[in-house]
Structures are given as structure tokens and as C-alpha cells.
Amino acid sequence: FGYGTQSFYRTPNGVVHILNVQNSQTFAYDINDSNVIIGQYQEKDLTLHGFLWTSGTVTVIDPPGAYNTYPAAINAAGTVIGSYFGGALAGSHGFVRDASGNFSSVDAEPGYGTFLSSLNSSGAATGNFYSPSSGTTHGFLRDSQGNITVFNVPAASGTYPAAINDAGFITGTWSPLNTRYVQGFNRDPAGNITTYEAPHTGPVGNTVPASINASGIEIGRASCRERE
């Protein structure tokens, strides 16, 4: 079975295959319509590498200078996005890898933490970054040309996009000021933001969207806890 945690893929006929990379702990995160899988494997020294799996062939996808790589999504064109630590600047950086293997580093605010979380078929990606000047975490949209648009839910101490669909609608979470819980938000292609909460039984609820499909249906999880 190899070392530690392994990933798997299941074919439509019900056959489950173990996906093992470098005989290391392996974590599969996304698959596109060409059956290309992306993920991460962990060496015994705890370093983390990105990988791309195509019909049993493994390609390591670490951005130049990276020592920990976190692939997040792959689209039909074979573009991969994710985040990594390493390089000349401190903190985490986003990355975009095209189907030819060329990398672009993404820093919404250079020198601080940038994370990419989701990608659509046109190559638009979304993520978040921390800004020490404001002391908050901001959401951002990176279009297929590399242009970055920063956005925030009004009155938020943090905005965390989770997913973007092909129409450009974004879903994610935000933290209201002076609270310790999160709510959901939806941002349309024109930049209008709607916030919402899922029904919950307790006085303080957490709403955590995870994905949005082409019809605009969002999924996620909700929880509640007592006031502190």
C-alpha cells in the first residue's frame, strides 16, 4: 500500500485504483475531463510537491524555487493553479501552470500570503491574500490575461473566495467584523456581492460554501455553536 495516506481514482465501471506517487503520502485534489489528475505528495522529510498524473505517467509540478507546493485545480485546457512557498519573496505565492509546463507566479500583494483556490474553463482564477497594511484578508480575481481585481465583502475582516464558475460567479466565505464565525457570499461578474447564511439551530452559525456549478447552485456546509 506504500507509505501513509494514498489517493485513488474510481472508473465509471466501479473499479477503484490506488494512485501512488514516489511511494509517498499522496493527495489527489482535482481531475479534468481528459482524466488528468493533480495533487500533492509528501516526502518522508515532510516536503510537499505538486504532481500531475496522466494515464499512469507522473509529472512533478513544483514552481521554480518552491519547497512546498499546493495544487488546487485543473481545467479542461490543462491549466493548473495553486499556491507554493519559496522563491525570493517571503510568504506564500499563487501559481499558474499552463499545459506546456510554463509557470507564472501570482502575488496579489508582493511579499505576503497569496493563495489561489479555484479556476474556470476560460482560465480565470480566484483566491485571497493577506495585507498587513489593512490587517485583513482580501479576495481577488485573476483573469486569463493575468489582470488582478481585488474585492471585499463590505464590513468584512476577511474575504475568502472558494470557487468560480464558467460564467464568472464566485462563492466563498467572509468574516464579519468583531466576530469569530463566517458567512457565505456570492459575487456576480459585475462585482455585486450578496451575503447569506444557511439555516442553523444555534445562536451563532457558520456558513461555508465550497463550490458553484454552471447553473449558479452553490454547495457547502453549515454549523452552529453556542455564544462564547
C-alpha atoms as a PDB file:
ATOM      1  CA  PHE A   1       0.000   0.000   0.000  1.00  0.00           C
ATOM      2  CA  GLY A   2       3.015   2.291   0.235  1.00  0.00           C
ATOM      3  CA  TYR A   3       3.748   4.946   2.824  1.00  0.00           C
ATOM      4  CA  GLY A   4       0.924   6.607   4.772  1.00  0.00           C
ATOM      5  CA  THR A   5      -2.081   8.173   3.041  1.00  0.00           C
ATOM      6  CA  GLN A   6      -2.756   7.225  -0.570  1.00  0.00           C
ATOM      7  CA  SER A   7      -5.178   8.583  -3.153  1.00  0.00           C
ATOM      8  CA  PHE A   8      -7.405   6.685  -5.536  1.00  0.00           C
ATOM      9  CA  TYR A   9      -9.469   7.096  -8.670  1.00  0.00           C
ATOM     10  CA  ARG A  10     -12.664   5.215  -9.492  1.00  0.00           C
ATOM     11  CA  THR A  11     -13.688   4.471 -13.076  1.00  0.00           C
ATOM     12  CA  PRO A  12     -17.349   4.529 -14.220  1.00  0.00           C
ATOM     13  CA  ASN A  13     -17.462   0.723 -14.205  1.00  0.00           C
ATOM     14  CA  GLY A  14     -16.776   0.766 -10.473  1.00  0.00           C
ATOM     15  CA  VAL A  15     -13.112  -0.244 -10.447  1.00  0.00           C
ATOM     16  CA  VAL A  16     -11.051   1.593  -7.828  1.00  0.00           C
ATOM     17  CA  HIS A  17      -7.332   2.148  -8.451  1.00  0.00           C
ATOM     18  CA  ILE A  18      -4.739   3.324  -5.934  1.00  0.00           C
ATOM     19  CA  LEU A  19      -2.799   6.373  -7.080  1.00  0.00           C
ATOM     20  CA  ASN A  20       0.700   6.256  -5.627  1.00  0.00           C
ATOM     21  CA  VAL A  21       3.370   8.873  -6.314  1.00  0.00           C
ATOM     22  CA  GLN A  22       7.005   8.265  -5.374  1.00  0.00           C
ATOM     23  CA  ASN A  23       5.888   5.729  -2.747  1.00  0.00           C
ATOM     24  CA  SER A  24       4.968   8.728  -0.599  1.00  0.00           C
ATOM     25  CA  GLN A  25       1.839  10.081   1.028  1.00  0.00           C
ATOM     26  CA  THR A  26      -0.320  11.139  -1.903  1.00  0.00           C
ATOM     27  CA  PHE A  27      -3.300  13.520  -2.017  1.00  0.00           C
ATOM     28  CA  ALA A  28      -5.396  13.905  -5.184  1.00  0.00           C
ATOM     29  CA  TYR A  29      -7.287  17.219  -5.414  1.00  0.00           C
ATOM     30  CA  ASP A  30      -8.835  17.615  -8.853  1.00  0.00           C
ATOM     31  CA  ILE A  31      -9.425  15.871 -12.207  1.00  0.00           C
ATOM     32  CA  ASN A  32     -10.380  17.326 -15.583  1.00  0.00           C
ATOM     33  CA  ASP A  33     -12.447  15.859 -18.426  1.00  0.00           C
ATOM     34  CA  SER A  34      -9.298  14.405 -20.016  1.00  0.00           C
ATOM     35  CA  ASN A  35      -8.751  12.339 -16.848  1.00  0.00           C
ATOM     36  CA  VAL A  36      -5.672  14.322 -15.866  1.00  0.00           C
ATOM     37  CA  ILE A  37      -5.332  14.332 -12.088  1.00  0.00           C
ATOM     38  CA  ILE A  38      -3.469  16.876  -9.994  1.00  0.00           C
ATOM     39  CA  GLY A  39      -2.444  16.603  -6.382  1.00  0.00           C
ATOM     40  CA  GLN A  40       0.334  16.664  -3.875  1.00  0.00           C
ATOM     41  CA  TYR A  41       2.733  14.132  -2.425  1.00  0.00           C
ATOM     42  CA  GLN A  42       4.694  14.344   0.790  1.00  0.00           C
ATOM     43  CA  GLU A  43       8.215  13.042   1.184  1.00  0.00           C
ATOM     44  CA  LYS A  44       9.375  11.434   4.399  1.00  0.00           C
ATOM     45  CA  ASP A  45      11.239  14.662   5.181  1.00  0.00           C
ATOM     46  CA  LEU A  46       7.757  16.346   5.093  1.00  0.00           C
ATOM     47  CA  THR A  47       8.428  18.446   1.976  1.00  0.00           C
ATOM     48  CA  LEU A  48       5.376  18.776  -0.294  1.00  0.00           C
ATOM     49  CA  HIS A  49       5.446  18.558  -4.087  1.00  0.00           C
ATOM     50  CA  GLY A  50       2.768  19.021  -6.692  1.00  0.00           C
ATOM     51  CA  PHE A  51       2.115  16.357  -9.287  1.00  0.00           C
ATOM     52  CA  LEU A  52       0.200  15.855 -12.491  1.00  0.00           C
ATOM     53  CA  TRP A  53      -0.917  12.284 -13.322  1.00  0.00           C
ATOM     54  CA  THR A  54      -1.785  11.296 -16.896  1.00  0.00           C
ATOM     55  CA  SER A  55      -2.574   7.624 -17.644  1.00  0.00           C
ATOM     56  CA  GLY A  56      -0.025   6.468 -15.102  1.00  0.00           C
ATOM     57  CA  THR A  57       2.672   8.974 -16.031  1.00  0.00           C
ATOM     58  CA  VAL A  58       3.601  11.351 -13.208  1.00  0.00           C
ATOM     59  CA  THR A  59       4.967  14.842 -13.785  1.00  0.00           C
ATOM     60  CA  VAL A  60       6.222  16.875 -10.814  1.00  0.00           C
ATOM     61  CA  ILE A  61       4.776  20.404 -10.945  1.00  0.00           C
ATOM     62  CA  ASP A  62       6.780  22.492  -8.492  1.00  0.00           C
ATOM     63  CA  PRO A  63       7.158  26.179  -9.407  1.00  0.00           C
ATOM     64  CA  PRO A  64      10.806  27.309  -9.640  1.00  0.00           C
ATOM     65  CA  GLY A  65      12.255  27.769  -6.162  1.00  0.00           C
ATOM     66  CA  ALA A  66       9.324  26.111  -4.393  1.00  0.00           C
ATOM     67  CA  TYR A  67       9.864  23.955  -1.327  1.00  0.00           C
ATOM     68  CA  ASN A  68       6.173  23.283  -0.595  1.00  0.00           C
ATOM     69  CA  THR A  69       3.592  23.169  -3.409  1.00  0.00           C
ATOM     70  CA  TYR A  70      -0.206  23.076  -3.099  1.00  0.00           C
ATOM     71  CA  PRO A  71      -2.013  22.475  -6.429  1.00  0.00           C
ATOM     72  CA  ALA A  72      -5.711  23.368  -6.199  1.00  0.00           C
ATOM     73  CA  ALA A  73      -7.453  22.974  -9.579  1.00  0.00           C
ATOM     74  CA  ILE A  74      -7.044  21.956 -13.227  1.00  0.00           C
ATOM     75  CA  ASN A  75      -9.327  22.919 -16.121  1.00  0.00           C
ATOM     76  CA  ALA A  76     -10.120  21.274 -19.452  1.00  0.00           C
ATOM     77  CA  ALA A  77      -7.261  23.117 -21.173  1.00  0.00           C
ATOM     78  CA  GLY A  78      -4.754  21.589 -18.739  1.00  0.00           C
ATOM     79  CA  THR A  79      -4.052  24.827 -16.870  1.00  0.00           C
ATOM     80  CA  VAL A  80      -3.233  24.229 -13.204  1.00  0.00           C
ATOM     81  CA  ILE A  81      -3.454  26.748 -10.369  1.00  0.00           C
ATOM     82  CA  GLY A  82      -2.373  26.553  -6.774  1.00  0.00           C
ATOM     83  CA  SER A  83      -0.022  28.030  -4.197  1.00  0.00           C
ATOM     84  CA  TYR A  84       3.541  27.498  -3.028  1.00  0.00           C
ATOM     85  CA  PHE A  85       6.160  28.606  -0.546  1.00  0.00           C
ATOM     86  CA  GLY A  86       9.619  29.543  -1.769  1.00  0.00           C
ATOM     87  CA  GLY A  87      11.338  31.936  -4.114  1.00  0.00           C
ATOM     88  CA  ALA A  88      12.892  35.331  -3.443  1.00  0.00           C
ATOM     89  CA  LEU A  89       9.848  36.834  -1.702  1.00  0.00           C
ATOM     90  CA  ALA A  90       8.630  35.808   1.729  1.00  0.00           C
ATOM     91  CA  GLY A  91       5.274  34.192   2.352  1.00  0.00           C
ATOM     92  CA  SER A  92       3.115  32.111   0.049  1.00  0.00           C
ATOM     93  CA  HIS A  93       2.505  32.784  -3.635  1.00  0.00           C
ATOM     94  CA  GLY A  94      -0.072  31.703  -6.131  1.00  0.00           C
ATOM     95  CA  PHE A  95       0.977  29.982  -9.334  1.00  0.00           C
ATOM     96  CA  VAL A  96      -0.465  29.267 -12.756  1.00  0.00           C
ATOM     97  CA  ARG A  97       0.978  26.439 -14.863  1.00  0.00           C
ATOM     98  CA  ASP A  98      -0.115  26.209 -18.487  1.00  0.00           C
ATOM     99  CA  ALA A  99      -0.485  22.949 -20.416  1.00  0.00           C
ATOM    100  CA  SER A 100       3.029  23.378 -21.850  1.00  0.00           C
ATOM    101  CA  GLY A 101       4.557  23.474 -18.374  1.00  0.00           C
ATOM    102  CA  ASN A 102       5.221  27.215 -18.155  1.00  0.00           C
ATOM    103  CA  PHE A 103       4.789  28.753 -14.699  1.00  0.00           C
ATOM    104  CA  SER A 104       3.596  32.226 -13.717  1.00  0.00           C
ATOM    105  CA  SER A 105       3.847  33.375 -10.120  1.00  0.00           C
ATOM    106  CA  VAL A 106       0.882  35.295  -8.685  1.00  0.00           C
ATOM    107  CA  ASP A 107       1.357  37.823  -5.889  1.00  0.00           C
ATOM    108  CA  ALA A 108      -1.670  39.987  -5.203  1.00  0.00           C
ATOM    109  CA  GLU A 109       0.493  41.912  -2.726  1.00  0.00           C
ATOM    110  CA  PRO A 110       4.188  41.017  -3.125  1.00  0.00           C
ATOM    111  CA  GLY A 111       5.900  39.615  -0.060  1.00  0.00           C
ATOM    112  CA  TYR A 112       2.792  38.398   1.717  1.00  0.00           C
ATOM    113  CA  GLY A 113       0.489  35.409   1.625  1.00  0.00           C
ATOM    114  CA  THR A 114      -1.308  34.828  -1.682  1.00  0.00           C
ATOM    115  CA  PHE A 115      -3.412  31.702  -2.239  1.00  0.00           C
ATOM    116  CA  LEU A 116      -5.243  30.590  -5.389  1.00  0.00           C
ATOM    117  CA  SER A 117      -8.238  28.337  -4.783  1.00  0.00           C
ATOM    118  CA  SER A 118     -10.317  27.857  -7.955  1.00  0.00           C
ATOM    119  CA  LEU A 119     -10.153  28.029 -11.750  1.00  0.00           C
ATOM    120  CA  ASN A 120     -12.728  28.056 -14.551  1.00  0.00           C
ATOM    121  CA  SER A 121     -12.576  26.897 -18.166  1.00  0.00           C
ATOM    122  CA  SER A 122     -11.521  30.301 -19.514  1.00  0.00           C
ATOM    123  CA  GLY A 123      -8.519  30.445 -17.178  1.00  0.00           C
ATOM    124  CA  ALA A 124      -9.957  32.944 -14.684  1.00  0.00           C
ATOM    125  CA  ALA A 125      -8.917  32.134 -11.128  1.00  0.00           C
ATOM    126  CA  THR A 126      -9.844  33.357  -7.684  1.00  0.00           C
ATOM    127  CA  GLY A 127      -8.144  33.373  -4.320  1.00  0.00           C
ATOM    128  CA  ASN A 128      -7.190  35.513  -1.332  1.00  0.00           C
ATOM    129  CA  PHE A 129      -4.245  37.361   0.146  1.00  0.00           C
ATOM    130  CA  TYR A 130      -3.363  38.935   3.457  1.00  0.00           C
ATOM    131  CA  SER A 131      -2.481  42.629   3.546  1.00  0.00           C
ATOM    132  CA  PRO A 132      -0.522  43.829   6.615  1.00  0.00           C
ATOM    133  CA  SER A 133      -1.313  47.448   5.747  1.00  0.00           C
ATOM    134  CA  SER A 134      -5.023  46.852   6.324  1.00  0.00           C
ATOM    135  CA  GLY A 135      -4.690  43.885   8.676  1.00  0.00           C
ATOM    136  CA  THR A 136      -7.309  41.973   6.693  1.00  0.00           C
ATOM    137  CA  THR A 137      -7.524  39.214   4.124  1.00  0.00           C
ATOM    138  CA  HIS A 138      -8.879  40.239   0.713  1.00  0.00           C
ATOM    139  CA  GLY A 139     -10.399  38.272  -2.109  1.00  0.00           C
ATOM    140  CA  PHE A 140      -9.212  38.688  -5.675  1.00  0.00           C
ATOM    141  CA  LEU A 141      -9.995  37.644  -9.219  1.00  0.00           C
ATOM    142  CA  ARG A 142      -7.209  36.979 -11.718  1.00  0.00           C
ATOM    143  CA  ASP A 143      -8.427  36.943 -15.312  1.00  0.00           C
ATOM    144  CA  SER A 144      -6.922  34.798 -18.075  1.00  0.00           C
ATOM    145  CA  GLN A 145      -4.629  37.686 -19.062  1.00  0.00           C
ATOM    146  CA  GLY A 146      -3.177  37.978 -15.563  1.00  0.00           C
ATOM    147  CA  ASN A 147      -5.048  41.129 -14.508  1.00  0.00           C
ATOM    148  CA  ILE A 148      -5.971  41.166 -10.808  1.00  0.00           C
ATOM    149  CA  THR A 149      -9.133  42.678  -9.343  1.00  0.00           C
ATOM    150  CA  VAL A 150      -9.234  42.902  -5.544  1.00  0.00           C
ATOM    151  CA  PHE A 151     -12.618  42.728  -3.848  1.00  0.00           C
ATOM    152  CA  ASN A 152     -14.008  42.579  -0.324  1.00  0.00           C
ATOM    153  CA  VAL A 153     -17.330  41.867   1.253  1.00  0.00           C
ATOM    154  CA  PRO A 154     -18.384  45.155   2.917  1.00  0.00           C
ATOM    155  CA  ALA A 155     -17.664  45.259   6.664  1.00  0.00           C
ATOM    156  CA  ALA A 156     -15.576  42.086   6.468  1.00  0.00           C
ATOM    157  CA  SER A 157     -12.431  41.372   8.429  1.00  0.00           C
ATOM    158  CA  GLY A 158     -11.627  38.709   5.836  1.00  0.00           C
ATOM    159  CA  THR A 159     -12.890  37.631   2.405  1.00  0.00           C
ATOM    160  CA  TYR A 160     -12.098  34.077   1.239  1.00  0.00           C
ATOM    161  CA  PRO A 161     -13.226  33.026  -2.259  1.00  0.00           C
ATOM    162  CA  ALA A 162     -13.650  29.262  -2.643  1.00  0.00           C
ATOM    163  CA  ALA A 163     -14.841  28.677  -6.215  1.00  0.00           C
ATOM    164  CA  ILE A 164     -15.580  30.350  -9.555  1.00  0.00           C
ATOM    165  CA  ASN A 165     -17.830  29.007 -12.309  1.00  0.00           C
ATOM    166  CA  ASP A 166     -17.566  29.476 -16.066  1.00  0.00           C
ATOM    167  CA  ALA A 167     -19.938  32.465 -16.002  1.00  0.00           C
ATOM    168  CA  GLY A 168     -17.639  34.256 -13.543  1.00  0.00           C
ATOM    169  CA  PHE A 169     -19.780  33.928 -10.407  1.00  0.00           C
ATOM    170  CA  ILE A 170     -17.679  33.471  -7.268  1.00  0.00           C
ATOM    171  CA  THR A 171     -18.686  31.915  -3.961  1.00  0.00           C
ATOM    172  CA  GLY A 172     -16.829  31.846  -0.689  1.00  0.00           C
ATOM    173  CA  THR A 173     -16.820  32.883   2.950  1.00  0.00           C
ATOM    174  CA  TRP A 174     -16.361  36.145   4.791  1.00  0.00           C
ATOM    175  CA  SER A 175     -15.788  37.089   8.416  1.00  0.00           C
ATOM    176  CA  PRO A 176     -17.970  39.873   9.846  1.00  0.00           C
ATOM    177  CA  LEU A 177     -16.048  42.384  11.965  1.00  0.00           C
ATOM    178  CA  ASN A 178     -15.651  41.553  15.647  1.00  0.00           C
ATOM    179  CA  THR A 179     -16.959  38.007  15.301  1.00  0.00           C
ATOM    180  CA  ARG A 180     -15.464  34.525  15.264  1.00  0.00           C
ATOM    181  CA  TYR A 181     -17.795  32.965  12.715  1.00  0.00           C
ATOM    182  CA  VAL A 182     -18.126  33.104   8.933  1.00  0.00           C
ATOM    183  CA  GLN A 183     -20.952  33.581   6.443  1.00  0.00           C
ATOM    184  CA  GLY A 184     -21.332  32.875   2.740  1.00  0.00           C
ATOM    185  CA  PHE A 185     -21.112  35.315  -0.146  1.00  0.00           C
ATOM    186  CA  ASN A 186     -21.783  35.334  -3.874  1.00  0.00           C
ATOM    187  CA  ARG A 187     -20.097  37.766  -6.251  1.00  0.00           C
ATOM    188  CA  ASP A 188     -21.555  38.205  -9.745  1.00  0.00           C
ATOM    189  CA  PRO A 189     -19.460  39.045 -12.858  1.00  0.00           C
ATOM    190  CA  ALA A 190     -20.320  42.735 -12.484  1.00  0.00           C
ATOM    191  CA  GLY A 191     -18.824  42.776  -8.993  1.00  0.00           C
ATOM    192  CA  ASN A 192     -22.073  42.846  -6.992  1.00  0.00           C
ATOM    193  CA  ILE A 193     -21.821  40.904  -3.732  1.00  0.00           C
ATOM    194  CA  THR A 194     -24.660  39.156  -1.899  1.00  0.00           C
ATOM    195  CA  THR A 195     -24.129  37.695   1.561  1.00  0.00           C
ATOM    196  CA  TYR A 196     -26.145  34.898   3.106  1.00  0.00           C
ATOM    197  CA  GLU A 197     -26.399  32.398   5.928  1.00  0.00           C
ATOM    198  CA  ALA A 198     -27.623  28.811   5.832  1.00  0.00           C
ATOM    199  CA  PRO A 199     -30.340  27.925   8.377  1.00  0.00           C
ATOM    200  CA  HIS A 200     -28.861  26.806  11.688  1.00  0.00           C
ATOM    201  CA  THR A 201     -30.210  25.794  15.075  1.00  0.00           C
ATOM    202  CA  GLY A 202     -27.720  27.553  17.310  1.00  0.00           C
ATOM    203  CA  PRO A 203     -27.366  31.290  18.002  1.00  0.00           C
ATOM    204  CA  VAL A 204     -24.093  31.591  16.073  1.00  0.00           C
ATOM    205  CA  GLY A 205     -23.812  29.840  12.715  1.00  0.00           C
ATOM    206  CA  ASN A 206     -21.007  29.183  10.257  1.00  0.00           C
ATOM    207  CA  THR A 207     -21.853  29.049   6.546  1.00  0.00           C
ATOM    208  CA  VAL A 208     -19.005  27.692   4.400  1.00  0.00           C
ATOM    209  CA  PRO A 209     -19.644  27.485   0.629  1.00  0.00           C
ATOM    210  CA  ALA A 210     -17.306  25.124  -1.235  1.00  0.00           C
ATOM    211  CA  SER A 211     -18.312  25.101  -4.908  1.00  0.00           C
ATOM    212  CA  ILE A 212     -20.651  26.600  -7.518  1.00  0.00           C
ATOM    213  CA  ASN A 213     -21.826  24.979 -10.765  1.00  0.00           C
ATOM    214  CA  ALA A 214     -22.756  26.379 -14.171  1.00  0.00           C
ATOM    215  CA  SER A 215     -26.366  26.903 -13.048  1.00  0.00           C
ATOM    216  CA  GLY A 216     -25.242  29.012 -10.097  1.00  0.00           C
ATOM    217  CA  ILE A 217     -26.107  26.394  -7.472  1.00  0.00           C
ATOM    218  CA  GLU A 218     -23.732  26.617  -4.531  1.00  0.00           C
ATOM    219  CA  ILE A 219     -22.866  23.834  -2.111  1.00  0.00           C
ATOM    220  CA  GLY A 220     -21.097  23.891   1.220  1.00  0.00           C
ATOM    221  CA  ARG A 221     -21.569  23.121   4.870  1.00  0.00           C
ATOM    222  CA  ALA A 222     -23.154  24.849   7.838  1.00  0.00           C
ATOM    223  CA  SER A 223     -22.672  24.509  11.574  1.00  0.00           C
ATOM    224  CA  CYS A 224     -23.625  26.260  14.802  1.00  0.00           C
ATOM    225  CA  ARG A 225     -22.095  26.787  18.186  1.00  0.00           C
ATOM    226  CA  GLU A 226     -23.049  28.457  21.440  1.00  0.00           C
ATOM    227  CA  ARG A 227     -22.164  32.047  22.090  1.00  0.00           C
ATOM    228  CA  GLU A 228     -18.962  32.497  23.999  1.00  0.00           C
END
